[in-house]
Every structure is written in structure tokens, then in C-alpha cells.
């Protein structure tokens, strides 16, 4: 269970890593960042709804008591992270905004300890902090000096929404099907973002072009980049990510997910032509060390024993003997 969860989290982070580089092809073709996000969520959500309606319609049933949960998941865990981040980068340097978003692992372990009253292993705390430090080195955060108060608040809110994504994935029970949650979550996010993306103004002819996002990058059809972003970096990434957290814990899943930064840098180097510098390599190694350290929390034993343990809760409440 433990190693399967770690493998899923690792694969999810690498699938998510394609989202930024692929979005650059859409932006180069003429879409704004929020338009690229909307097309990503709308395409992924509608595709999942259509497929599940045919092969597994039962997964799309939402218990009436769970409607608030689904609504919050779509608005906060999916749309909130994307929209707040893109608004934040209009007021902050991208590096600082990214660093604030990936404060999520620290927020998760803090919430689990203070609110859920579950003693998280020290390695989870240390791993989360080390991962954030590594991220700061990757983006060379010390070079950014222009800080806007509202931008900082928006960035922290994006990080809180990111933490909420992992906490909500860790909290729902068997009455919620993960596939249905992802399908309705991405579709709901697209609905929430309609006033901001204004899809009726999107230059749809851009999807017929082939573009090169930067000098030294690879030329790809925009439609191919979009389909990869919607299918791999959204549908597959979310499915793997939700199932990873269900097998691990919110704290460990959030920290391992930060490997997306390394994956994004590598994908951008291979496709977009963005070079990796010394700080990106060193910071990536630090970030990886933090993620590896955090995963040892799956074998630690806290003092609080839940009354109805599940597989994912056992990962942080018992010493793993056979998993």
C-alpha cells in the first residue's frame, strides 16, 4: 500500500509537470493564461463526464448530503488554486507566487496536527520544510524583490487552496467515488471560471496553428499540446493524485507532489528550450530530499488512534509492518 501510494504520487507529479509547458503553447498561440486554464478544465471535465456516463454511470451519482463537499472541491481545490495563482502572478514575480503556492505541504502538516489532532511524524514536518527550501532555490527566490501586499495574500490563498485539495482528497469516504469527484470537480471549476475566462472571446482558431514557444524549443501543433494537457496533465494527473493521497496521507502526498516543480523544469528544458541552471539542479536535489524524507512519515506512529481507521489513515497512525 505504501509503495503503491508513493508510485502513484510520483507519477501524478510528473503528469502535472506537463501542464505549464503545454500551456505555453496555447499562450504563444494567442490565449491568455486564464483562457488556457479554462480550456484545460472544461475539456478534461466534459471528457470524463462523457466517458463515465457510458462505462460507469454510477460514479457520477452525488449523494444529496455530499453536494456542499463537491461544490467546495470544485471551487477551492480545483478552480481556486488555478485562478488565485494566475491573479497573484499579475502582482508578484512568478517565482514568489510559485513559492507561496507550494507552501501547501507545510499548511497540510500544520492542519493535520492542530485541527485533526493527529501527531504527524517529525519527518513529515522536516520534509515539507526542506521541500519548500529546495523550491526556493529552484526559483532563485532571493532575486525577487518586488512584493505586493495583495499579491502575497492571493499567493497564500492559492497555497491554502492547494492544501485543501490534499486534505479533501484525504477526508472523503466510500460514498464518494474518486472518478466522479474528479469529473464533477473539473467541470465545476470550468463553470466557476467562466466569468473570468469569458470563453466566448477565446481565439479558437489558435488550435489550428503550430507554434514554437521559445527559441530552441520544439514546434508542436497547438491542438496536440492542448490534448496532452487536458488528458495527461489533468485527467490522468488528478486520478493518480487522488488515489495516491488515499493510500498515503494528505501530509505526505502534498510534499511528494512538490516534485512537479522538478518535472516541470525538465519538461520545459526538453520541449520549450528553457535551460536548467546550477540553482535549478541543486534546488531540485534538495526538494527531492525533502520529498523522500517526508515519505518516511508513512511508517511512523502518532499517539492518537482514530476510531474507524482506513488504509490512508493507517499510513500515518500505525507502524507499517506488511504494507
Protein backbone atom coordinates (compact mmCIF):
# COMPACT_ATOMS: atom_id res chain seq x y z
CA UNK A 1 0.00 0.00 0.00
CA UNK A 2 2.74 2.44 1.00
CA UNK A 3 4.93 1.91 -2.06
CA UNK A 4 1.94 1.83 -4.40
CA UNK A 5 0.85 5.20 -3.00
CA UNK A 6 4.31 6.67 -3.42
CA UNK A 7 4.49 5.41 -7.00
CA UNK A 8 1.10 6.96 -7.79
CA UNK A 9 2.14 10.27 -6.19
CA UNK A 10 5.37 10.30 -8.16
CA UNK A 11 3.61 9.59 -11.46
CA UNK A 12 0.93 12.18 -10.68
CA UNK A 13 3.53 14.89 -10.05
CA UNK A 14 5.19 14.15 -13.38
CA UNK A 15 1.88 14.22 -15.23
CA UNK A 16 1.06 17.58 -13.63
CA UNK A 17 4.52 18.76 -14.68
CA UNK A 18 3.38 18.93 -18.31
CA UNK A 19 0.65 21.48 -17.54
CA UNK A 20 2.88 24.58 -17.53
CA UNK A 21 4.99 23.75 -20.61
CA UNK A 22 1.94 22.67 -22.63
CA UNK A 23 0.04 25.79 -21.57
CA UNK A 24 2.89 27.84 -23.05
CA UNK A 25 1.99 26.53 -26.50
CA UNK A 26 -1.58 27.77 -26.05
CA UNK A 27 -0.42 31.14 -24.69
CA UNK A 28 2.07 31.55 -27.55
CA UNK A 29 -0.79 30.90 -29.98
CA UNK A 30 -2.80 33.79 -28.51
CA UNK A 31 -4.73 32.54 -25.47
CA UNK A 32 -4.42 34.30 -22.11
CA UNK A 33 -3.31 32.20 -19.11
CA UNK A 34 -6.82 32.09 -17.63
CA UNK A 35 -8.25 31.08 -21.01
CA UNK A 36 -5.72 28.24 -21.17
CA UNK A 37 -6.77 27.13 -17.68
CA UNK A 38 -10.45 27.23 -18.63
CA UNK A 39 -9.99 25.16 -21.78
CA UNK A 40 -7.97 22.67 -19.76
CA UNK A 41 -10.64 22.23 -17.07
CA UNK A 42 -13.59 22.31 -19.46
CA UNK A 43 -12.06 19.76 -21.82
CA UNK A 44 -10.98 17.40 -19.05
CA UNK A 45 -14.29 17.66 -17.20
CA UNK A 46 -16.52 17.14 -20.22
CA UNK A 47 -14.41 14.22 -21.43
CA UNK A 48 -14.58 12.49 -18.05
CA UNK A 49 -18.31 13.08 -17.75
CA UNK A 50 -18.92 11.62 -21.22
CA UNK A 51 -16.74 8.54 -20.67
CA UNK A 52 -18.07 7.79 -17.18
CA UNK A 53 -21.68 8.31 -18.29
CA UNK A 54 -21.18 5.47 -20.77
CA UNK A 55 -18.97 2.99 -18.91
CA UNK A 56 -19.55 3.75 -15.21
CA UNK A 57 -22.59 5.99 -14.74
CA UNK A 58 -22.84 5.03 -11.06
CA UNK A 59 -19.67 7.01 -10.32
CA UNK A 60 -21.41 10.25 -11.29
CA UNK A 61 -24.15 9.96 -8.66
CA UNK A 62 -23.74 12.54 -5.92
CA UNK A 63 -25.47 11.91 -2.58
CA UNK A 64 -27.52 14.98 -1.64
CA UNK A 65 -25.62 15.28 1.62
CA UNK A 66 -22.37 15.50 -0.35
CA UNK A 67 -23.36 18.37 -2.66
CA UNK A 68 -21.59 21.00 -0.47
CA UNK A 69 -18.43 18.88 -0.49
CA UNK A 70 -18.46 18.61 -4.29
CA UNK A 71 -19.14 22.33 -4.65
CA UNK A 72 -16.28 23.26 -2.32
CA UNK A 73 -13.95 20.82 -4.07
CA UNK A 74 -14.64 22.37 -7.48
CA UNK A 75 -14.44 25.97 -6.26
CA UNK A 76 -11.48 25.68 -3.91
CA UNK A 77 -9.43 22.54 -4.62
CA UNK A 78 -9.53 22.93 -8.41
CA UNK A 79 -10.61 26.42 -9.56
CA UNK A 80 -9.23 28.25 -6.51
CA UNK A 81 -5.65 27.08 -6.94
CA UNK A 82 -5.56 27.92 -10.64
CA UNK A 83 -7.36 31.27 -10.59
CA UNK A 84 -5.70 32.68 -7.46
CA UNK A 85 -2.26 31.72 -8.74
CA UNK A 86 -2.80 33.42 -12.09
CA UNK A 87 -4.13 36.55 -10.42
CA UNK A 88 -1.19 36.52 -8.00
CA UNK A 89 1.38 36.48 -10.80
CA UNK A 90 -0.09 39.73 -12.13
CA UNK A 91 1.05 41.40 -8.89
CA UNK A 92 4.07 39.28 -7.91
CA UNK A 93 7.08 37.75 -9.65
CA UNK A 94 6.26 34.24 -10.83
CA UNK A 95 8.93 32.72 -8.57
CA UNK A 96 7.48 34.19 -5.39
CA UNK A 97 3.92 33.25 -6.38
CA UNK A 98 5.02 29.68 -7.08
CA UNK A 99 6.80 29.50 -3.74
CA UNK A 100 3.64 30.64 -1.94
CA UNK A 101 1.51 28.05 -3.74
CA UNK A 102 3.90 25.30 -2.68
CA UNK A 103 3.65 26.32 0.95
CA UNK A 104 0.78 23.82 0.77
CA UNK A 105 2.75 20.90 2.31
CA UNK A 106 3.61 23.00 5.38
CA UNK A 107 -0.03 24.09 5.69
CA UNK A 108 -1.19 20.48 5.41
CA UNK A 109 1.00 19.08 8.18
CA UNK A 110 0.09 22.04 10.39
CA UNK A 111 -3.63 21.47 9.83
CA UNK A 112 -3.34 17.73 10.44
CA UNK A 113 -1.54 18.33 13.74
CA UNK A 114 -3.50 21.30 15.13
CA UNK A 115 -7.01 20.69 13.77
CA UNK A 116 -7.26 16.95 13.26
CA UNK A 117 -5.20 16.35 16.42
CA UNK A 118 -3.13 13.68 14.70
CA UNK A 119 0.53 13.53 15.63
CA UNK A 120 2.42 13.63 12.34
CA UNK A 121 5.91 12.17 12.29
CA UNK A 122 8.72 14.69 12.59
CA UNK A 123 9.99 13.59 9.19
CA UNK A 124 6.79 14.93 7.61
CA UNK A 125 7.40 18.39 9.07
CA UNK A 126 11.10 18.41 8.23
CA UNK A 127 10.49 17.01 4.75
CA UNK A 128 7.87 19.66 3.98
CA UNK A 129 10.17 22.48 5.09
CA UNK A 130 13.15 21.05 3.19
CA UNK A 131 10.99 20.72 0.06
CA UNK A 132 9.93 24.38 0.31
CA UNK A 133 13.56 25.43 0.77
CA UNK A 134 14.53 23.40 -2.28
CA UNK A 135 11.77 25.06 -4.25
CA UNK A 136 13.07 28.46 -3.18
CA UNK A 137 16.50 27.52 -4.55
CA UNK A 138 15.00 26.22 -7.83
CA UNK A 139 13.20 29.51 -8.49
CA UNK A 140 16.04 31.61 -7.02
CA UNK A 141 13.52 33.43 -4.82
CA UNK A 142 16.19 35.70 -3.31
CA UNK A 143 16.47 37.54 -6.61
CA UNK A 144 12.86 38.71 -6.46
CA UNK A 145 12.40 41.97 -4.56
CA UNK A 146 9.09 43.47 -5.75
CA UNK A 147 6.49 42.35 -3.22
CA UNK A 148 2.90 43.48 -3.35
CA UNK A 149 0.75 43.04 -0.23
CA UNK A 150 -2.37 41.94 -2.11
CA UNK A 151 -0.28 39.65 -4.30
CA UNK A 152 1.17 37.97 -1.20
CA UNK A 153 -2.32 37.41 0.21
CA UNK A 154 -3.53 35.94 -3.08
CA UNK A 155 -0.48 33.67 -3.30
CA UNK A 156 -1.01 32.40 0.23
CA UNK A 157 -4.69 31.81 -0.53
CA UNK A 158 -3.65 29.77 -3.57
CA UNK A 159 -1.37 27.75 -1.28
CA UNK A 160 -4.26 27.27 1.16
CA UNK A 161 -6.47 26.03 -1.69
CA UNK A 162 -3.71 23.64 -2.73
CA UNK A 163 -3.55 22.35 0.85
CA UNK A 164 -7.34 22.00 0.78
CA UNK A 165 -7.06 19.82 -2.32
CA UNK A 166 -4.91 17.28 -0.47
CA UNK A 167 -6.90 17.48 2.77
CA UNK A 168 -10.22 16.94 0.96
CA UNK A 169 -8.81 14.00 -1.00
CA UNK A 170 -7.78 12.51 2.34
CA UNK A 171 -11.13 13.03 4.05
CA UNK A 172 -13.96 11.69 1.89
CA UNK A 173 -15.42 8.23 2.48
CA UNK A 174 -16.76 5.40 0.34
CA UNK A 175 -19.94 7.31 -0.52
CA UNK A 176 -17.85 9.47 -2.88
CA UNK A 177 -16.32 7.87 -5.96
CA UNK A 178 -12.90 9.41 -6.80
CA UNK A 179 -13.60 9.36 -10.54
CA UNK A 180 -16.91 11.12 -10.10
CA UNK A 181 -15.31 13.66 -7.79
CA UNK A 182 -12.65 14.50 -10.39
CA UNK A 183 -15.19 14.67 -13.23
CA UNK A 184 -17.56 17.00 -11.37
CA UNK A 185 -14.66 18.89 -9.80
CA UNK A 186 -13.01 19.83 -13.10
CA UNK A 187 -16.37 20.57 -14.75
CA UNK A 188 -17.44 22.68 -11.78
CA UNK A 189 -14.12 24.54 -11.89
CA UNK A 190 -14.74 25.41 -15.53
CA UNK A 191 -18.17 26.79 -14.60
CA UNK A 192 -16.70 28.85 -11.76
CA UNK A 193 -14.06 30.31 -14.09
CA UNK A 194 -16.48 31.30 -16.89
CA UNK A 195 -16.80 34.96 -15.74
CA UNK A 196 -13.01 35.30 -15.69
CA UNK A 197 -12.10 33.31 -18.82
CA UNK A 198 -15.01 34.53 -20.98
CA UNK A 199 -14.82 31.53 -23.33
CA UNK A 200 -16.90 33.34 -25.96
CA UNK A 201 -13.87 35.58 -26.55
CA UNK A 202 -11.30 32.78 -26.80
CA UNK A 203 -9.48 32.80 -30.18
CA UNK A 204 -10.44 29.23 -31.11
CA UNK A 205 -8.57 29.48 -34.41
CA UNK A 206 -5.37 29.25 -32.35
CA UNK A 207 -5.94 25.49 -32.05
CA UNK A 208 -5.31 25.10 -35.79
CA UNK A 209 -1.78 26.53 -35.53
CA UNK A 210 1.64 25.04 -34.88
CA UNK A 211 3.89 27.18 -32.69
CA UNK A 212 7.33 27.28 -31.08
CA UNK A 213 7.08 28.80 -27.58
CA UNK A 214 10.71 29.97 -27.43
CA UNK A 215 13.98 29.90 -29.29
CA UNK A 216 15.41 26.40 -29.07
CA UNK A 217 12.04 24.85 -28.27
CA UNK A 218 10.17 22.22 -30.24
CA UNK A 219 7.40 23.14 -32.65
CA UNK A 220 4.11 21.41 -31.87
CA UNK A 221 0.55 21.69 -33.13
CA UNK A 222 -1.41 23.65 -30.52
CA UNK A 223 -4.17 21.04 -30.61
CA UNK A 224 -1.68 18.29 -29.71
CA UNK A 225 -0.33 20.35 -26.81
CA UNK A 226 -3.87 21.02 -25.60
CA UNK A 227 -4.94 17.37 -25.78
CA UNK A 228 -1.83 16.31 -23.86
CA UNK A 229 -2.51 18.99 -21.24
CA UNK A 230 -6.17 18.01 -20.86
CA UNK A 231 -5.67 14.23 -20.90
CA UNK A 232 -2.29 13.60 -19.27
CA UNK A 233 -1.67 16.75 -17.20
CA UNK A 234 -5.26 16.93 -15.95
CA UNK A 235 -7.34 13.73 -16.21
CA UNK A 236 -4.55 11.21 -15.59
CA UNK A 237 -2.74 13.51 -13.13
CA UNK A 238 -5.82 14.08 -10.97
CA UNK A 239 -6.82 10.41 -10.98
CA UNK A 240 -3.34 9.34 -9.90
CA UNK A 241 -3.07 12.15 -7.36
CA UNK A 242 -6.38 11.46 -5.62
CA UNK A 243 -5.64 7.74 -5.35
CA UNK A 244 -2.12 8.46 -4.08
CA UNK A 245 -3.41 10.59 -1.19
CA UNK A 246 -5.99 7.90 -0.38
CA UNK A 247 -3.14 5.42 0.08
CA UNK A 248 -0.73 7.73 1.90
CA UNK A 249 -1.89 10.83 3.74
CA UNK A 250 -2.50 14.47 2.92
CA UNK A 251 0.81 15.48 4.52
CA UNK A 252 2.97 13.03 2.59
CA UNK A 253 1.01 13.36 -0.65
CA UNK A 254 1.35 17.16 -0.65
CA UNK A 255 5.11 17.02 -0.15
CA UNK A 256 5.72 14.36 -2.81
CA UNK A 257 3.53 16.39 -5.19
CA UNK A 258 6.05 19.22 -4.99
CA UNK A 259 8.22 17.11 -7.30
CA UNK A 260 6.05 18.64 -10.01
CA UNK A 261 8.42 21.62 -9.92
CA UNK A 262 11.38 19.43 -10.88
CA UNK A 263 9.36 17.63 -13.53
CA UNK A 264 8.13 20.91 -14.95
CA UNK A 265 11.67 22.21 -15.24
CA UNK A 266 12.82 19.04 -17.02
CA UNK A 267 9.85 19.04 -19.40
CA UNK A 268 10.34 22.74 -20.12
CA UNK A 269 14.01 22.05 -20.88
CA UNK A 270 13.14 19.23 -23.27
CA UNK A 271 10.16 20.85 -25.04
CA UNK A 272 10.24 24.59 -24.56
CA UNK A 273 14.00 25.03 -24.62
CA UNK A 274 14.34 26.56 -21.14
CA UNK A 275 17.80 25.76 -19.82
CA UNK A 276 18.41 24.27 -16.36
CA UNK A 277 20.91 26.27 -14.31
CA UNK A 278 23.05 25.24 -11.35
CA UNK A 279 20.47 26.51 -8.85
CA UNK A 280 17.71 24.53 -10.54
CA UNK A 281 19.73 21.32 -10.30
CA UNK A 282 20.87 21.90 -6.69
CA UNK A 283 17.42 23.07 -5.60
CA UNK A 284 15.85 20.07 -7.31
CA UNK A 285 18.08 17.72 -5.34
CA UNK A 286 17.13 19.48 -2.09
CA UNK A 287 13.45 19.32 -2.99
CA UNK A 288 13.77 15.63 -3.83
CA UNK A 289 15.46 15.02 -0.48
CA UNK A 290 12.56 16.69 1.29
CA UNK A 291 10.03 14.54 -0.55
CA UNK A 292 11.97 11.35 0.23
CA UNK A 293 12.23 12.37 3.88
CA UNK A 294 8.52 13.08 4.12
CA UNK A 295 7.59 9.67 2.72
CA UNK A 296 9.14 8.03 5.80
CA UNK A 297 6.21 9.52 7.73
CA UNK A 298 4.07 6.72 6.34
CA UNK A 299 5.79 4.40 8.77
CA UNK A 300 5.52 6.48 11.95
CA UNK A 301 3.08 6.08 14.82
CA UNK A 302 1.28 9.01 16.37
CA UNK A 303 -0.38 8.99 19.77
CA UNK A 304 -3.94 9.50 18.56
CA UNK A 305 -5.77 6.38 17.33
CA UNK A 306 -8.81 7.05 15.12
CA UNK A 307 -11.94 5.04 15.89
CA UNK A 308 -12.51 3.90 12.30
CA UNK A 309 -9.11 3.64 10.65
CA UNK A 310 -8.88 3.47 6.89
CA UNK A 311 -5.98 2.50 4.68
CA UNK A 312 -4.86 6.06 4.19
CA UNK A 313 -5.20 6.95 7.91
CA UNK A 314 -3.27 3.85 8.96
CA UNK A 315 -0.39 5.19 6.89
CA UNK A 316 0.16 7.96 9.42
CA UNK A 317 -1.23 6.31 12.58
CA UNK A 318 0.48 2.92 12.62
CA UNK A 319 3.90 1.50 12.02
CA UNK A 320 3.76 -0.26 8.69
CA UNK A 321 4.51 -3.91 9.07
CA UNK A 322 3.19 -5.59 5.95
CA UNK A 323 2.34 -2.71 3.67
